[in-house]
Amino acid sequence: MARATIRDVAKQAGVSVATVSRALNGSGIVKSGTRRRVLEVMADLGFNPNAAARRLSLGRTLTITVLVSYLTRPQTVERLHGVDEVLSDSEFDLVVYNVERVDKRDHYLRTLPSPQRTDGLLVISLPPRPDDLPRIAAADVPVVFIDTHTPGLEAFSQVIGDDVAGGELATRHLIELGHRHIGFIGDAFDNPFGFTSSRDRHAGYTRALEAAGTAPRANWIGLGAHGRYEARTLATRILSQPKRPTAIFASSDTQALGVMAAAREVGLRVPDQLSVIGYDDIEAAEYVGLTTVRQNLFETGRRGAALLLREIGARPQKPTAIEVPPELVIRGTTAPPTDAVDLGG
């Protein structure tokens, strides 16, 4: 049996091919009764409109593109879940590009913001180069940034948190428990992508310590590549010193898991002999009972996708900035220091 065509639908419904096309595209000039009749005929004939043809008729790609760094990291996965929740109820297909090299980032930011490639671009946790910003701003498609902290993004709609405030929140929690000897584990501040999260969380950590009348100790700070095993190595070095901290703030939950592994290796009980707090509130954090700072990963992804859909429908006169504040989530890895481990000095 021959496959039904749009002309077959038009003939049986008693309308023109143009009317069938308008009914498919949701045009407001087609009366509701006519649209209903067209859809009933389509169902009777088993007609499925060709997706490529529909894109051509609309002059759109019907895709939304997401550009992310390090796709397999838990933070990225949870943000993408939020994006997918919004787009799953839309007409748009989701296309994801993973970036783990600077040259790939630069290439994608030059080529993706184009109406021939996508109807809208979400950029997640990936700072662009300053000289790329004018070209991105002049693109014919809307671009929304999520969790990207770099000068010059004021011209774009954004969903952002406050890593400095989050770092201060984490450290103040430890201080309020009675800790004064607090270490820090994070990513190296200098990195080719220009990531700022660890640097900003460390700034909040420093601010909270200074407000409490103390200061960071250089030998209690470990910076290196992002990862659980790297954090374990850094924390082992800190915890093996004659005078060690009674608590450690890790710049991500992944790194906090490494700190907890290091504590086990050197024979310290968490939280009795070492308090540990992370950042992000990934799924694994609840599973292991990790105290952390929640940056609402799912919600930032969801809000970013919703904001982009709105801008695809109607470009705003000025950009929108949505701030999602960090939240302290207290679980079982932080407690007051005991006399036995409060080393003083």
C-alpha atoms as a PDB file:
ATOM      1  CA  MET A   1       0.000   0.000   0.000  1.00  0.00           C
ATOM      2  CA  ALA A   2       1.372   3.368  -1.054  1.00  0.00           C
ATOM      3  CA  ARG A   3       2.319   5.756   1.710  1.00  0.00           C
ATOM      4  CA  ALA A   4      -0.139   8.633   2.161  1.00  0.00           C
ATOM      5  CA  THR A   5       1.063  12.075   1.091  1.00  0.00           C
ATOM      6  CA  ILE A   6       0.120  15.576   2.103  1.00  0.00           C
ATOM      7  CA  ARG A   7      -1.889  15.811  -1.143  1.00  0.00           C
ATOM      8  CA  ASP A   8      -3.910  12.746  -0.124  1.00  0.00           C
ATOM      9  CA  VAL A   9      -4.703  14.405   3.192  1.00  0.00           C
ATOM     10  CA  ALA A  10      -5.728  17.654   1.481  1.00  0.00           C
ATOM     11  CA  LYS A  11      -7.976  15.838  -1.012  1.00  0.00           C
ATOM     12  CA  GLN A  12      -9.812  13.758   1.603  1.00  0.00           C
ATOM     13  CA  ALA A  13     -10.174  16.703   3.997  1.00  0.00           C
ATOM     14  CA  GLY A  14     -11.435  18.948   1.197  1.00  0.00           C
ATOM     15  CA  VAL A  15      -8.809  21.642   1.739  1.00  0.00           C
ATOM     16  CA  SER A  16      -5.707  22.869  -0.047  1.00  0.00           C
ATOM     17  CA  VAL A  17      -2.208  21.511   0.510  1.00  0.00           C
ATOM     18  CA  ALA A  18      -1.287  24.924   1.975  1.00  0.00           C
ATOM     19  CA  THR A  19      -4.059  24.598   4.557  1.00  0.00           C
ATOM     20  CA  VAL A  20      -2.792  21.173   5.613  1.00  0.00           C
ATOM     21  CA  SER A  21       0.717  22.625   5.993  1.00  0.00           C
ATOM     22  CA  ARG A  22      -0.602  25.520   8.067  1.00  0.00           C
ATOM     23  CA  ALA A  23      -2.580  23.122  10.269  1.00  0.00           C
ATOM     24  CA  LEU A  24       0.580  21.089  10.899  1.00  0.00           C
ATOM     25  CA  ASN A  25       2.576  24.205  11.755  1.00  0.00           C
ATOM     26  CA  GLY A  26      -0.016  25.506  14.204  1.00  0.00           C
ATOM     27  CA  SER A  27      -0.860  28.597  12.175  1.00  0.00           C
ATOM     28  CA  GLY A  28      -3.486  30.761  13.823  1.00  0.00           C
ATOM     29  CA  ILE A  29      -5.240  31.489  10.531  1.00  0.00           C
ATOM     30  CA  VAL A  30      -6.576  27.911  10.297  1.00  0.00           C
ATOM     31  CA  LYS A  31      -9.954  27.541  12.001  1.00  0.00           C
ATOM     32  CA  SER A  32     -10.131  25.035  14.830  1.00  0.00           C
ATOM     33  CA  GLY A  33     -12.758  22.934  13.030  1.00  0.00           C
ATOM     34  CA  THR A  34     -10.583  22.744   9.901  1.00  0.00           C
ATOM     35  CA  ARG A  35      -7.512  21.798  11.895  1.00  0.00           C
ATOM     36  CA  ARG A  36      -9.453  19.084  13.696  1.00  0.00           C
ATOM     37  CA  ARG A  37     -10.707  17.652  10.392  1.00  0.00           C
ATOM     38  CA  VAL A  38      -7.185  17.664   8.929  1.00  0.00           C
ATOM     39  CA  LEU A  39      -5.771  15.865  11.981  1.00  0.00           C
ATOM     40  CA  GLU A  40      -8.551  13.253  11.847  1.00  0.00           C
ATOM     41  CA  VAL A  41      -7.831  12.558   8.162  1.00  0.00           C
ATOM     42  CA  MET A  42      -4.114  12.285   8.928  1.00  0.00           C
ATOM     43  CA  ALA A  43      -4.877   9.678  11.583  1.00  0.00           C
ATOM     44  CA  ASP A  44      -7.217   7.751   9.246  1.00  0.00           C
ATOM     45  CA  LEU A  45      -4.630   7.667   6.459  1.00  0.00           C
ATOM     46  CA  GLY A  46      -1.678   6.985   8.773  1.00  0.00           C
ATOM     47  CA  PHE A  47       0.067  10.101   7.481  1.00  0.00           C
ATOM     48  CA  ASN A  48       3.306  11.068   9.252  1.00  0.00           C
ATOM     49  CA  PRO A  49       4.731  14.394   8.118  1.00  0.00           C
ATOM     50  CA  ASN A  50       8.342  14.298   7.050  1.00  0.00           C
ATOM     51  CA  ALA A  51      10.401  16.064   9.743  1.00  0.00           C
ATOM     52  CA  ALA A  52      12.862  17.524   7.263  1.00  0.00           C
ATOM     53  CA  ALA A  53      10.028  18.886   5.117  1.00  0.00           C
ATOM     54  CA  ARG A  54       8.431  20.458   8.172  1.00  0.00           C
ATOM     55  CA  ARG A  55      11.692  22.151   9.106  1.00  0.00           C
ATOM     56  CA  LEU A  56      11.965  23.554   5.599  1.00  0.00           C
ATOM     57  CA  SER A  57       8.391  24.829   5.645  1.00  0.00           C
ATOM     58  CA  LEU A  58       8.991  26.579   8.972  1.00  0.00           C
ATOM     59  CA  GLY A  59      12.400  27.923   8.021  1.00  0.00           C
ATOM     60  CA  ARG A  60      13.775  26.532  11.297  1.00  0.00           C
ATOM     61  CA  THR A  61      15.922  23.607  12.420  1.00  0.00           C
ATOM     62  CA  LEU A  62      13.617  22.629  15.316  1.00  0.00           C
ATOM     63  CA  THR A  63      16.723  21.853  17.353  1.00  0.00           C
ATOM     64  CA  ILE A  64      18.227  23.339  20.488  1.00  0.00           C
ATOM     65  CA  THR A  65      21.960  22.916  20.925  1.00  0.00           C
ATOM     66  CA  VAL A  66      23.714  22.567  24.274  1.00  0.00           C
ATOM     67  CA  LEU A  67      27.444  23.158  24.573  1.00  0.00           C
ATOM     68  CA  VAL A  68      28.911  21.650  27.752  1.00  0.00           C
ATOM     69  CA  SER A  69      32.301  20.981  29.276  1.00  0.00           C
ATOM     70  CA  TYR A  70      33.118  17.472  30.469  1.00  0.00           C
ATOM     71  CA  LEU A  71      29.834  15.739  29.696  1.00  0.00           C
ATOM     72  CA  THR A  72      30.399  12.801  32.044  1.00  0.00           C
ATOM     73  CA  ARG A  73      30.856  14.858  35.204  1.00  0.00           C
ATOM     74  CA  PRO A  74      27.903  14.489  37.604  1.00  0.00           C
ATOM     75  CA  GLN A  75      27.318  18.252  37.678  1.00  0.00           C
ATOM     76  CA  THR A  76      26.853  18.353  33.902  1.00  0.00           C
ATOM     77  CA  VAL A  77      24.607  15.279  33.845  1.00  0.00           C
ATOM     78  CA  GLU A  78      22.239  16.733  36.427  1.00  0.00           C
ATOM     79  CA  ARG A  79      22.012  20.060  34.603  1.00  0.00           C
ATOM     80  CA  LEU A  80      21.213  18.227  31.360  1.00  0.00           C
ATOM     81  CA  HIS A  81      18.406  16.393  33.140  1.00  0.00           C
ATOM     82  CA  GLY A  82      16.863  19.786  33.887  1.00  0.00           C
ATOM     83  CA  VAL A  83      17.269  20.893  30.271  1.00  0.00           C
ATOM     84  CA  ASP A  84      15.726  17.666  28.995  1.00  0.00           C
ATOM     85  CA  GLU A  85      12.694  17.975  31.269  1.00  0.00           C
ATOM     86  CA  VAL A  86      11.767  21.267  29.598  1.00  0.00           C
ATOM     87  CA  LEU A  87      12.550  20.243  26.026  1.00  0.00           C
ATOM     88  CA  SER A  88      10.829  16.862  26.218  1.00  0.00           C
ATOM     89  CA  ASP A  89       7.475  18.665  26.121  1.00  0.00           C
ATOM     90  CA  SER A  90       8.503  20.937  23.240  1.00  0.00           C
ATOM     91  CA  GLU A  91       8.801  20.493  19.477  1.00  0.00           C
ATOM     92  CA  PHE A  92      12.583  20.818  19.619  1.00  0.00           C
ATOM     93  CA  ASP A  93      15.186  18.091  19.359  1.00  0.00           C
ATOM     94  CA  LEU A  94      18.138  18.315  21.755  1.00  0.00           C
ATOM     95  CA  VAL A  95      21.684  18.210  20.367  1.00  0.00           C
ATOM     96  CA  VAL A  96      24.599  18.099  22.837  1.00  0.00           C
ATOM     97  CA  TYR A  97      28.225  18.940  22.048  1.00  0.00           C
ATOM     98  CA  ASN A  98      30.856  17.878  24.573  1.00  0.00           C
ATOM     99  CA  VAL A  99      33.982  20.018  25.013  1.00  0.00           C
ATOM    100  CA  GLU A 100      37.165  18.822  26.696  1.00  0.00           C
ATOM    101  CA  ARG A 101      39.688  20.862  24.695  1.00  0.00           C
ATOM    102  CA  VAL A 102      40.001  24.616  24.303  1.00  0.00           C
ATOM    103  CA  ASP A 103      40.250  24.453  20.516  1.00  0.00           C
ATOM    104  CA  LYS A 104      36.936  22.554  20.400  1.00  0.00           C
ATOM    105  CA  ARG A 105      35.274  25.208  22.532  1.00  0.00           C
ATOM    106  CA  ASP A 106      36.511  27.977  20.254  1.00  0.00           C
ATOM    107  CA  HIS A 107      35.451  26.099  17.109  1.00  0.00           C
ATOM    108  CA  TYR A 108      31.929  25.397  18.380  1.00  0.00           C
ATOM    109  CA  LEU A 109      31.378  28.938  19.630  1.00  0.00           C
ATOM    110  CA  ARG A 110      32.343  30.221  16.183  1.00  0.00           C
ATOM    111  CA  THR A 111      30.154  27.819  14.207  1.00  0.00           C
ATOM    112  CA  LEU A 112      27.124  26.812  16.282  1.00  0.00           C
ATOM    113  CA  PRO A 113      25.340  30.196  16.768  1.00  0.00           C
ATOM    114  CA  SER A 114      23.794  30.090  13.285  1.00  0.00           C
ATOM    115  CA  PRO A 115      20.155  29.657  12.158  1.00  0.00           C
ATOM    116  CA  GLN A 116      21.354  26.982   9.751  1.00  0.00           C
ATOM    117  CA  ARG A 117      22.678  24.932  12.719  1.00  0.00           C
ATOM    118  CA  THR A 118      20.203  25.554  15.534  1.00  0.00           C
ATOM    119  CA  ASP A 119      17.278  27.637  16.777  1.00  0.00           C
ATOM    120  CA  GLY A 120      18.966  28.386  20.090  1.00  0.00           C
ATOM    121  CA  LEU A 121      22.187  27.696  21.981  1.00  0.00           C
ATOM    122  CA  LEU A 122      22.703  26.900  25.667  1.00  0.00           C
ATOM    123  CA  VAL A 123      26.276  27.220  26.936  1.00  0.00           C
ATOM    124  CA  ILE A 124      26.850  25.454  30.266  1.00  0.00           C
ATOM    125  CA  SER A 125      29.848  26.190  32.505  1.00  0.00           C
ATOM    126  CA  LEU A 126      32.059  27.115  29.573  1.00  0.00           C
ATOM    127  CA  PRO A 127      33.562  30.626  29.555  1.00  0.00           C
ATOM    128  CA  PRO A 128      34.085  31.974  26.022  1.00  0.00           C
ATOM    129  CA  ARG A 129      37.134  33.966  24.991  1.00  0.00           C
ATOM    130  CA  PRO A 130      36.514  37.735  25.279  1.00  0.00           C
ATOM    131  CA  ASP A 131      37.128  38.306  21.565  1.00  0.00           C
ATOM    132  CA  ASP A 132      34.422  35.758  20.691  1.00  0.00           C
ATOM    133  CA  LEU A 133      31.707  37.650  22.548  1.00  0.00           C
ATOM    134  CA  PRO A 134      30.883  40.293  19.875  1.00  0.00           C
ATOM    135  CA  ARG A 135      30.388  37.580  17.252  1.00  0.00           C
ATOM    136  CA  ILE A 136      28.166  35.517  19.567  1.00  0.00           C
ATOM    137  CA  ALA A 137      26.131  38.601  20.473  1.00  0.00           C
ATOM    138  CA  ALA A 138      25.585  39.384  16.789  1.00  0.00           C
ATOM    139  CA  ALA A 139      24.355  35.847  16.017  1.00  0.00           C
ATOM    140  CA  ASP A 140      20.895  35.383  14.510  1.00  0.00           C
ATOM    141  CA  VAL A 141      19.940  32.872  17.210  1.00  0.00           C
ATOM    142  CA  PRO A 142      19.448  33.433  20.944  1.00  0.00           C
ATOM    143  CA  VAL A 143      22.248  32.282  23.243  1.00  0.00           C
ATOM    144  CA  VAL A 144      21.789  31.656  26.981  1.00  0.00           C
ATOM    145  CA  PHE A 145      24.644  30.963  29.411  1.00  0.00           C
ATOM    146  CA  ILE A 146      24.311  28.766  32.502  1.00  0.00           C
ATOM    147  CA  ASP A 147      26.835  28.889  35.349  1.00  0.00           C
ATOM    148  CA  THR A 148      29.355  30.828  33.292  1.00  0.00           C
ATOM    149  CA  HIS A 149      31.232  33.529  35.169  1.00  0.00           C
ATOM    150  CA  THR A 150      33.338  35.745  32.966  1.00  0.00           C
ATOM    151  CA  PRO A 151      33.395  39.488  32.196  1.00  0.00           C
ATOM    152  CA  GLY A 152      31.368  40.603  29.186  1.00  0.00           C
ATOM    153  CA  LEU A 153      28.369  38.280  29.524  1.00  0.00           C
ATOM    154  CA  GLU A 154      26.097  41.101  30.634  1.00  0.00           C
ATOM    155  CA  ALA A 155      24.805  41.324  27.043  1.00  0.00           C
ATOM    156  CA  PHE A 156      23.425  37.760  27.245  1.00  0.00           C
ATOM    157  CA  SER A 157      20.661  36.127  29.219  1.00  0.00           C
ATOM    158  CA  GLN A 158      22.082  33.986  32.011  1.00  0.00           C
ATOM    159  CA  VAL A 159      21.273  31.626  34.843  1.00  0.00           C
ATOM    160  CA  ILE A 160      23.962  32.001  37.473  1.00  0.00           C
ATOM    161  CA  GLY A 161      24.821  31.136  41.048  1.00  0.00           C
ATOM    162  CA  ASP A 162      27.209  32.799  43.489  1.00  0.00           C
ATOM    163  CA  ASP A 163      30.279  30.666  44.157  1.00  0.00           C
ATOM    164  CA  VAL A 164      31.846  33.199  46.501  1.00  0.00           C
ATOM    165  CA  ALA A 165      28.719  33.220  48.664  1.00  0.00           C
ATOM    166  CA  GLY A 166      28.591  29.431  48.476  1.00  0.00           C
ATOM    167  CA  GLY A 167      32.197  29.080  49.628  1.00  0.00           C
ATOM    168  CA  GLU A 168      31.512  31.440  52.503  1.00  0.00           C
ATOM    169  CA  LEU A 169      28.359  29.495  53.404  1.00  0.00           C
ATOM    170  CA  ALA A 170      30.261  26.194  53.572  1.00  0.00           C
ATOM    171  CA  THR A 171      33.117  27.589  55.653  1.00  0.00           C
ATOM    172  CA  ARG A 172      30.838  29.501  58.007  1.00  0.00           C
ATOM    173  CA  HIS A 173      28.956  26.257  58.731  1.00  0.00           C
ATOM    174  CA  LEU A 174      32.222  24.669  59.871  1.00  0.00           C
ATOM    175  CA  ILE A 175      33.124  27.751  61.916  1.00  0.00           C
ATOM    176  CA  GLU A 176      29.712  27.734  63.634  1.00  0.00           C
ATOM    177  CA  LEU A 177      30.333  24.108  64.613  1.00  0.00           C
ATOM    178  CA  GLY A 178      33.495  25.299  66.390  1.00  0.00           C
ATOM    179  CA  HIS A 179      36.188  24.601  63.781  1.00  0.00           C
ATOM    180  CA  ARG A 180      38.985  27.116  63.328  1.00  0.00           C
ATOM    181  CA  HIS A 181      41.486  24.850  61.559  1.00  0.00           C
ATOM    182  CA  ILE A 182      39.930  24.326  58.138  1.00  0.00           C
ATOM    183  CA  GLY A 183      41.602  23.101  54.973  1.00  0.00           C
ATOM    184  CA  PHE A 184      40.562  23.542  51.354  1.00  0.00           C
ATOM    185  CA  ILE A 185      40.717  21.214  48.338  1.00  0.00           C
ATOM    186  CA  GLY A 186      39.958  22.552  44.862  1.00  0.00           C
ATOM    187  CA  ASP A 187      40.900  22.815  41.213  1.00  0.00           C
ATOM    188  CA  ALA A 188      44.003  24.676  40.120  1.00  0.00           C
ATOM    189  CA  PHE A 189      43.035  28.320  39.697  1.00  0.00           C
ATOM    190  CA  ASP A 190      44.991  28.738  36.466  1.00  0.00           C
ATOM    191  CA  ASN A 191      43.436  26.600  33.745  1.00  0.00           C
ATOM    192  CA  PRO A 192      43.155  26.913  29.946  1.00  0.00           C
ATOM    193  CA  PHE A 193      39.358  27.171  29.974  1.00  0.00           C
ATOM    194  CA  GLY A 194      39.211  30.020  32.469  1.00  0.00           C
ATOM    195  CA  PHE A 195      36.998  28.104  34.929  1.00  0.00           C
ATOM    196  CA  THR A 196      36.390  30.207  38.034  1.00  0.00           C
ATOM    197  CA  SER A 197      34.376  28.030  40.433  1.00  0.00           C
ATOM    198  CA  SER A 198      37.222  26.819  42.685  1.00  0.00           C
ATOM    199  CA  ARG A 199      38.857  30.245  42.767  1.00  0.00           C
ATOM    200  CA  ASP A 200      35.575  31.899  43.766  1.00  0.00           C
ATOM    201  CA  ARG A 201      34.712  29.245  46.369  1.00  0.00           C
ATOM    202  CA  HIS A 202      38.186  29.654  47.825  1.00  0.00           C
ATOM    203  CA  ALA A 203      37.571  33.413  47.998  1.00  0.00           C
ATOM    204  CA  GLY A 204      34.428  32.739  50.039  1.00  0.00           C
ATOM    205  CA  TYR A 205      36.361  30.323  52.257  1.00  0.00           C
ATOM    206  CA  THR A 206      39.002  32.981  52.897  1.00  0.00           C
ATOM    207  CA  ARG A 207      36.400  35.651  53.606  1.00  0.00           C
ATOM    208  CA  ALA A 208      34.638  33.479  56.205  1.00  0.00           C
ATOM    209  CA  LEU A 209      37.895  32.581  57.962  1.00  0.00           C
ATOM    210  CA  GLU A 210      39.008  36.202  58.139  1.00  0.00           C
ATOM    211  CA  ALA A 211      35.609  37.233  59.505  1.00  0.00           C
ATOM    212  CA  ALA A 212      36.152  34.673  62.283  1.00  0.00           C
ATOM    213  CA  GLY A 213      39.541  36.159  63.111  1.00  0.00           C
ATOM    214  CA  THR A 214      41.712  33.509  61.488  1.00  0.00           C
ATOM    215  CA  ALA A 215      43.333  32.970  58.101  1.00  0.00           C
ATOM    216  CA  PRO A 216      43.962  30.130  55.623  1.00  0.00           C
ATOM    217  CA  ARG A 217      47.150  28.131  56.045  1.00  0.00           C
ATOM    218  CA  ALA A 218      49.000  27.507  52.815  1.00  0.00           C
ATOM    219  CA  ASN A 219      49.961  23.968  53.854  1.00  0.00           C
ATOM    220  CA  TRP A 220      46.279  23.098  54.404  1.00  0.00           C
ATOM    221  CA  ILE A 221      45.279  24.092  50.875  1.00  0.00           C
ATOM    222  CA  GLY A 222      45.484  21.554  48.043  1.00  0.00           C
ATOM    223  CA  LEU A 223      44.925  22.575  44.419  1.00  0.00           C
ATOM    224  CA  GLY A 224      45.180  20.303  41.401  1.00  0.00           C
ATOM    225  CA  ALA A 225      43.339  18.570  38.590  1.00  0.00           C
ATOM    226  CA  HIS A 226      39.628  17.955  39.123  1.00  0.00           C
ATOM    227  CA  GLY A 227      38.838  14.426  40.232  1.00  0.00           C
ATOM    228  CA  ARG A 228      38.194  12.126  43.182  1.00  0.00           C
ATOM    229  CA  TYR A 229      41.570  10.406  43.028  1.00  0.00           C
ATOM    230  CA  GLU A 230      43.477  13.675  42.643  1.00  0.00           C
ATOM    231  CA  ALA A 231      41.622  15.085  45.659  1.00  0.00           C
ATOM    232  CA  ARG A 232      42.441  11.973  47.674  1.00  0.00           C
ATOM    233  CA  THR A 233      46.149  12.483  46.998  1.00  0.00           C
ATOM    234  CA  LEU A 234      45.998  16.171  47.954  1.00  0.00           C
ATOM    235  CA  ALA A 235      44.025  15.467  51.117  1.00  0.00           C
ATOM    236  CA  THR A 236      46.335  12.631  52.174  1.00  0.00           C
ATOM    237  CA  ARG A 237      49.251  15.066  52.074  1.00  0.00           C
ATOM    238  CA  ILE A 238      47.377  17.587  54.221  1.00  0.00           C
ATOM    239  CA  LEU A 239      46.076  15.029  56.724  1.00  0.00           C
ATOM    240  CA  SER A 240      49.501  13.388  57.159  1.00  0.00           C
ATOM    241  CA  GLN A 241      51.064  16.559  58.565  1.00  0.00           C
ATOM    242  CA  PRO A 242      51.941  16.770  62.305  1.00  0.00           C
ATOM    243  CA  LYS A 243      49.406  19.570  62.660  1.00  0.00           C
ATOM    244  CA  ARG A 244      46.386  18.949  60.497  1.00  0.00           C
ATOM    245  CA  PRO A 245      43.022  20.665  60.030  1.00  0.00           C
ATOM    246  CA  THR A 246      39.947  19.480  61.903  1.00  0.00           C
ATOM    247  CA  ALA A 247      37.762  20.085  58.827  1.00  0.00           C
ATOM    248  CA  ILE A 248      38.150  20.324  55.058  1.00  0.00           C
ATOM    249  CA  PHE A 249      35.983  22.206  52.585  1.00  0.00           C
ATOM    250  CA  ALA A 250      36.147  20.583  49.149  1.00  0.00           C
ATOM    251  CA  SER A 251      35.224  22.680  46.120  1.00  0.00           C
ATOM    252  CA  SER A 252      33.036  19.901  44.683  1.00  0.00           C
ATOM    253  CA  ASP A 253      31.278  16.801  45.957  1.00  0.00           C
ATOM    254  CA  THR A 254      33.506  14.688  43.726  1.00  0.00           C
ATOM    255  CA  GLN A 255      36.547  16.090  45.509  1.00  0.00           C
ATOM    256  CA  ALA A 256      34.868  15.686  48.899  1.00  0.00           C
ATOM    257  CA  LEU A 257      34.523  11.961  48.179  1.00  0.00           C
ATOM    258  CA  GLY A 258      38.285  11.919  47.598  1.00  0.00           C
ATOM    259  CA  VAL A 259      38.851  13.676  50.933  1.00  0.00           C
ATOM    260  CA  MET A 260      36.717  11.065  52.713  1.00  0.00           C
ATOM    261  CA  ALA A 261      38.760   8.298  51.076  1.00  0.00           C
ATOM    262  CA  ALA A 262      41.960   9.984  52.261  1.00  0.00           C
ATOM    263  CA  ALA A 263      40.599  10.194  55.810  1.00  0.00           C
ATOM    264  CA  ARG A 264      39.988   6.442  55.797  1.00  0.00           C
ATOM    265  CA  GLU A 265      43.500   5.797  54.506  1.00  0.00           C
ATOM    266  CA  VAL A 266      45.168   7.757  57.326  1.00  0.00           C
ATOM    267  CA  GLY A 267      42.836   6.295  59.972  1.00  0.00           C
ATOM    268  CA  LEU A 268      40.564   9.285  60.662  1.00  0.00           C
ATOM    269  CA  ARG A 269      36.852   8.922  61.367  1.00  0.00           C
ATOM    270  CA  VAL A 270      34.428  11.277  59.594  1.00  0.00           C
ATOM    271  CA  PRO A 271      32.976  13.358  61.217  1.00  0.00           C
ATOM    272  CA  ASP A 272      34.362  12.453  64.661  1.00  0.00           C
ATOM    273  CA  GLN A 273      37.964  13.321  63.817  1.00  0.00           C
ATOM    274  CA  LEU A 274      37.507  15.193  60.521  1.00  0.00           C
ATOM    275  CA  SER A 275      34.527  17.122  59.201  1.00  0.00           C
ATOM    276  CA  VAL A 276      34.098  17.222  55.425  1.00  0.00           C
ATOM    277  CA  ILE A 277      31.828  19.480  53.376  1.00  0.00           C
ATOM    278  CA  GLY A 278      31.458  19.484  49.595  1.00  0.00           C
ATOM    279  CA  TYR A 279      29.784  21.579  46.934  1.00  0.00           C
ATOM    280  CA  ASP A 280      27.132  20.859  44.257  1.00  0.00           C
ATOM    281  CA  ASP A 281      24.824  18.298  45.924  1.00  0.00           C
ATOM    282  CA  ILE A 282      25.162  15.673  43.219  1.00  0.00           C
ATOM    283  CA  GLU A 283      23.112  12.484  43.542  1.00  0.00           C
ATOM    284  CA  ALA A 284      25.951  10.600  45.245  1.00  0.00           C
ATOM    285  CA  ALA A 285      26.149  13.235  48.005  1.00  0.00           C
ATOM    286  CA  GLU A 286      22.823  12.191  49.493  1.00  0.00           C
ATOM    287  CA  TYR A 287      23.734   8.520  49.160  1.00  0.00           C
ATOM    288  CA  VAL A 288      26.902   8.880  51.289  1.00  0.00           C
ATOM    289  CA  GLY A 289      25.370  11.443  53.680  1.00  0.00           C
ATOM    290  CA  LEU A 290      27.696  14.261  52.606  1.00  0.00           C
ATOM    291  CA  THR A 291      27.126  17.739  53.984  1.00  0.00           C
ATOM    292  CA  THR A 292      27.347  20.076  51.008  1.00  0.00           C
ATOM    293  CA  VAL A 293      26.327  23.311  49.345  1.00  0.00           C
ATOM    294  CA  ARG A 294      23.547  22.776  46.857  1.00  0.00           C
ATOM    295  CA  GLN A 295      23.759  24.876  43.710  1.00  0.00           C
ATOM    296  CA  ASN A 296      20.512  23.438  42.314  1.00  0.00           C
ATOM    297  CA  LEU A 297      22.012  21.826  39.231  1.00  0.00           C
ATOM    298  CA  PHE A 298      18.744  20.429  37.891  1.00  0.00           C
ATOM    299  CA  GLU A 299      16.929  23.713  38.474  1.00  0.00           C
ATOM    300  CA  THR A 300      19.559  25.828  36.731  1.00  0.00           C
ATOM    301  CA  GLY A 301      19.357  23.539  33.695  1.00  0.00           C
ATOM    302  CA  ARG A 302      15.579  23.703  33.713  1.00  0.00           C
ATOM    303  CA  ARG A 303      15.479  27.477  34.030  1.00  0.00           C
ATOM    304  CA  GLY A 304      18.098  27.951  31.334  1.00  0.00           C
ATOM    305  CA  ALA A 305      16.136  25.822  28.856  1.00  0.00           C
ATOM    306  CA  ALA A 306      12.870  27.599  29.676  1.00  0.00           C
ATOM    307  CA  LEU A 307      14.561  30.974  29.235  1.00  0.00           C
ATOM    308  CA  LEU A 308      15.960  29.934  25.857  1.00  0.00           C
ATOM    309  CA  LEU A 309      12.563  28.711  24.635  1.00  0.00           C
ATOM    310  CA  ARG A 310      11.078  32.060  25.608  1.00  0.00           C
ATOM    311  CA  GLU A 311      13.756  33.917  23.663  1.00  0.00           C
ATOM    312  CA  ILE A 312      13.260  31.713  20.619  1.00  0.00           C
ATOM    313  CA  GLY A 313       9.620  32.741  20.676  1.00  0.00           C
ATOM    314  CA  ALA A 314      10.387  36.442  21.088  1.00  0.00           C
ATOM    315  CA  ARG A 315      13.821  38.011  21.378  1.00  0.00           C
ATOM    316  CA  PRO A 316      13.872  40.324  24.423  1.00  0.00           C
ATOM    317  CA  GLN A 317      14.880  43.969  24.294  1.00  0.00           C
ATOM    318  CA  LYS A 318      17.319  43.394  27.144  1.00  0.00           C
ATOM    319  CA  PRO A 319      18.860  40.215  28.561  1.00  0.00           C
ATOM    320  CA  THR A 320      17.474  38.375  31.559  1.00  0.00           C
ATOM    321  CA  ALA A 321      19.626  37.381  34.530  1.00  0.00           C
ATOM    322  CA  ILE A 322      18.255  34.652  36.799  1.00  0.00           C
ATOM    323  CA  GLU A 323      20.153  34.136  40.048  1.00  0.00           C
ATOM    324  CA  VAL A 324      19.869  30.800  41.855  1.00  0.00           C
ATOM    325  CA  PRO A 325      21.393  31.201  45.332  1.00  0.00           C
ATOM    326  CA  PRO A 326      23.385  28.387  46.967  1.00  0.00           C
ATOM    327  CA  GLU A 327      21.855  26.450  49.856  1.00  0.00           C
ATOM    328  CA  LEU A 328      23.500  24.649  52.756  1.00  0.00           C
ATOM    329  CA  VAL A 329      22.502  20.979  53.047  1.00  0.00           C
ATOM    330  CA  ILE A 330      23.551  19.504  56.390  1.00  0.00           C
ATOM    331  CA  ARG A 331      23.972  15.745  56.511  1.00  0.00           C
ATOM    332  CA  GLY A 332      26.309  13.433  58.412  1.00  0.00           C
ATOM    333  CA  THR A 333      29.892  14.398  57.535  1.00  0.00           C
ATOM    334  CA  THR A 334      30.198  17.539  59.666  1.00  0.00           C
ATOM    335  CA  ALA A 335      30.209  17.817  63.461  1.00  0.00           C
ATOM    336  CA  PRO A 336      31.856  19.912  66.194  1.00  0.00           C
ATOM    337  CA  PRO A 337      35.578  19.222  66.673  1.00  0.00           C
ATOM    338  CA  THR A 338      36.547  17.055  69.644  1.00  0.00           C
ATOM    339  CA  ASP A 339      39.226  18.047  72.120  1.00  0.00           C
ATOM    340  CA  ALA A 340      41.378  15.237  70.813  1.00  0.00           C
ATOM    341  CA  VAL A 341      41.613  16.669  67.336  1.00  0.00           C
ATOM    342  CA  ASP A 342      41.328  20.409  67.962  1.00  0.00           C
ATOM    343  CA  LEU A 343      45.063  20.971  67.713  1.00  0.00           C
ATOM    344  CA  GLY A 344      45.088  24.725  68.105  1.00  0.00           C
ATOM    345  CA  GLY A 345      47.947  26.959  67.069  1.00  0.00           C
END
